[in-house]
Structure formats: C-alpha cells, structure tokens
C-alpha cells in the first residue's frame, strides 16, 4: 500500500481510460501519463510502473457485483412477467 501511495503522490503511474472520458476529464489530468483503451465501457484503470493495477472500470465493477445484479434482474423480470 505504501508503494501505491508513493506512486500517487509522485504521479508515477498511468491512467487508462477512453478517449471520450479523457475529453471530459482533461482539465484535471495535467501532468498525468494517460493511455487510451476504447474497449473500456467506462471507468478507469490506474497502473504504476511496478504493474500495481487498480481496475475501476465499469466491467470490473459489474463483474464484482454480478451475483447481486443477477438477483435484481431476476426480480425485475419476475415482476415484469406477473405485473
């Protein structure tokens, strides 16, 4: 965790995001290394030079919550069929 904190303080990392998100955030990203990945559907990935990676992409967040999302969708579709 200390190495991540140091990387963030020194801006010693790269931010991976879509071109569209970059255009929205450009004023706040001065001095940061940026890499584009338009296969992302939203969110971002933060990676330092030691390959410490924080994946906060929409896909990763959905994968993390897929069971809960499935339960909610099941209830919605069940309600839709009987509502």
C-alpha atoms as a PDB file:
ATOM      1  CA  UNK A   1       0.000   0.000   0.000  1.00  0.00           C
ATOM      2  CA  UNK A   2       2.918   2.360   0.668  1.00  0.00           C
ATOM      3  CA  UNK A   3       4.215   1.919  -2.875  1.00  0.00           C
ATOM      4  CA  UNK A   4       0.796   2.796  -4.275  1.00  0.00           C
ATOM      5  CA  UNK A   5       0.569   5.885  -2.076  1.00  0.00           C
ATOM      6  CA  UNK A   6       4.050   6.932  -3.228  1.00  0.00           C
ATOM      7  CA  UNK A   7       3.110   6.387  -6.874  1.00  0.00           C
ATOM      8  CA  UNK A   8       0.007   8.531  -6.488  1.00  0.00           C
ATOM      9  CA  UNK A   9       1.865  11.318  -4.719  1.00  0.00           C
ATOM     10  CA  UNK A  10       4.588  11.393  -7.351  1.00  0.00           C
ATOM     11  CA  UNK A  11       2.168  10.954 -10.252  1.00  0.00           C
ATOM     12  CA  UNK A  12       4.296   7.929 -11.061  1.00  0.00           C
ATOM     13  CA  UNK A  13       1.502   5.973 -12.694  1.00  0.00           C
ATOM     14  CA  UNK A  14      -0.581   5.918 -15.820  1.00  0.00           C
ATOM     15  CA  UNK A  15      -4.296   6.341 -16.092  1.00  0.00           C
ATOM     16  CA  UNK A  16      -6.052   4.180 -18.665  1.00  0.00           C
ATOM     17  CA  UNK A  17      -9.411   5.416 -19.897  1.00  0.00           C
ATOM     18  CA  UNK A  18     -11.440   6.037 -23.039  1.00  0.00           C
ATOM     19  CA  UNK A  19     -10.852   8.996 -25.341  1.00  0.00           C
ATOM     20  CA  UNK A  20     -14.352  10.229 -24.523  1.00  0.00           C
ATOM     21  CA  UNK A  21     -13.712  10.157 -20.759  1.00  0.00           C
ATOM     22  CA  UNK A  22     -10.349  11.849 -21.306  1.00  0.00           C
ATOM     23  CA  UNK A  23     -12.012  14.749 -23.104  1.00  0.00           C
ATOM     24  CA  UNK A  24     -14.349  15.202 -20.118  1.00  0.00           C
ATOM     25  CA  UNK A  25     -11.541  14.994 -17.548  1.00  0.00           C
ATOM     26  CA  UNK A  26      -8.733  16.696 -19.459  1.00  0.00           C
ATOM     27  CA  UNK A  27      -8.655  19.831 -17.244  1.00  0.00           C
ATOM     28  CA  UNK A  28      -7.978  17.654 -14.172  1.00  0.00           C
ATOM     29  CA  UNK A  29      -5.295  15.397 -15.648  1.00  0.00           C
ATOM     30  CA  UNK A  30      -2.381  17.806 -16.033  1.00  0.00           C
ATOM     31  CA  UNK A  31       0.920  16.024 -15.544  1.00  0.00           C
ATOM     32  CA  UNK A  32      -0.508  12.520 -15.575  1.00  0.00           C
ATOM     33  CA  UNK A  33       0.525   9.839 -18.043  1.00  0.00           C
ATOM     34  CA  UNK A  34      -2.589   8.790 -19.931  1.00  0.00           C
ATOM     35  CA  UNK A  35      -3.208   5.756 -22.101  1.00  0.00           C
ATOM     36  CA  UNK A  36      -6.363   5.187 -24.100  1.00  0.00           C
ATOM     37  CA  UNK A  37      -8.368   1.986 -24.276  1.00  0.00           C
ATOM     38  CA  UNK A  38     -11.649   2.396 -26.104  1.00  0.00           C
ATOM     39  CA  UNK A  39     -12.579  -1.193 -25.315  1.00  0.00           C
ATOM     40  CA  UNK A  40     -13.460   0.065 -21.822  1.00  0.00           C
ATOM     41  CA  UNK A  41     -17.148   0.874 -21.424  1.00  0.00           C
ATOM     42  CA  UNK A  42     -16.472   3.360 -18.660  1.00  0.00           C
ATOM     43  CA  UNK A  43     -14.434   3.899 -15.529  1.00  0.00           C
ATOM     44  CA  UNK A  44     -10.661   3.781 -15.425  1.00  0.00           C
ATOM     45  CA  UNK A  45      -7.617   1.647 -14.691  1.00  0.00           C
ATOM     46  CA  UNK A  46      -4.711   3.002 -12.678  1.00  0.00           C
ATOM     47  CA  UNK A  47      -1.344   1.302 -13.110  1.00  0.00           C
ATOM     48  CA  UNK A  48       2.106   2.126 -11.759  1.00  0.00           C
ATOM     49  CA  UNK A  49       5.469   1.221 -13.260  1.00  0.00           C
ATOM     50  CA  UNK A  50       5.708  -1.859 -10.989  1.00  0.00           C
ATOM     51  CA  UNK A  51       2.482  -3.127 -12.554  1.00  0.00           C
ATOM     52  CA  UNK A  52       0.357  -2.479  -9.486  1.00  0.00           C
ATOM     53  CA  UNK A  53      -3.065  -2.221 -11.061  1.00  0.00           C
ATOM     54  CA  UNK A  54      -6.324  -0.810  -9.758  1.00  0.00           C
ATOM     55  CA  UNK A  55      -9.132  -1.740 -12.114  1.00  0.00           C
ATOM     56  CA  UNK A  56     -12.054   0.575 -11.520  1.00  0.00           C
ATOM     57  CA  UNK A  57     -13.558   0.006 -14.948  1.00  0.00           C
ATOM     58  CA  UNK A  58     -17.280  -0.464 -15.304  1.00  0.00           C
ATOM     59  CA  UNK A  59     -16.698  -4.035 -16.497  1.00  0.00           C
ATOM     60  CA  UNK A  60     -14.668  -4.887 -13.374  1.00  0.00           C
ATOM     61  CA  UNK A  61     -17.239  -3.276 -11.077  1.00  0.00           C
ATOM     62  CA  UNK A  62     -20.045  -5.211 -12.754  1.00  0.00           C
ATOM     63  CA  UNK A  63     -18.063  -8.454 -12.543  1.00  0.00           C
ATOM     64  CA  UNK A  64     -17.515  -7.845  -8.836  1.00  0.00           C
ATOM     65  CA  UNK A  65     -21.256  -7.371  -8.285  1.00  0.00           C
ATOM     66  CA  UNK A  66     -22.565  -9.864 -10.850  1.00  0.00           C
ATOM     67  CA  UNK A  67     -24.388 -12.024  -8.298  1.00  0.00           C
ATOM     68  CA  UNK A  68     -26.268  -9.035  -6.867  1.00  0.00           C
ATOM     69  CA  UNK A  69     -27.018  -7.706 -10.355  1.00  0.00           C
ATOM     70  CA  UNK A  70     -28.367 -11.136 -11.326  1.00  0.00           C
ATOM     71  CA  UNK A  71     -30.657 -11.231  -8.295  1.00  0.00           C
ATOM     72  CA  UNK A  72     -32.017  -7.775  -9.058  1.00  0.00           C
ATOM     73  CA  UNK A  73     -32.593  -8.620 -12.728  1.00  0.00           C
ATOM     74  CA  UNK A  74     -34.341 -11.854 -11.738  1.00  0.00           C
ATOM     75  CA  UNK A  75     -36.741  -9.890  -9.508  1.00  0.00           C
ATOM     76  CA  UNK A  76     -37.372  -7.301 -12.220  1.00  0.00           C
ATOM     77  CA  UNK A  77     -38.122  -9.917 -14.878  1.00  0.00           C
ATOM     78  CA  UNK A  78     -40.273 -11.898 -12.487  1.00  0.00           C
ATOM     79  CA  UNK A  79     -42.257  -8.754 -11.668  1.00  0.00           C
ATOM     80  CA  UNK A  80     -42.485  -7.917 -15.387  1.00  0.00           C
ATOM     81  CA  UNK A  81     -43.967 -11.355 -16.168  1.00  0.00           C
ATOM     82  CA  UNK A  82     -46.571 -11.189 -13.384  1.00  0.00           C
ATOM     83  CA  UNK A  83     -47.049  -7.417 -13.037  1.00  0.00           C
END
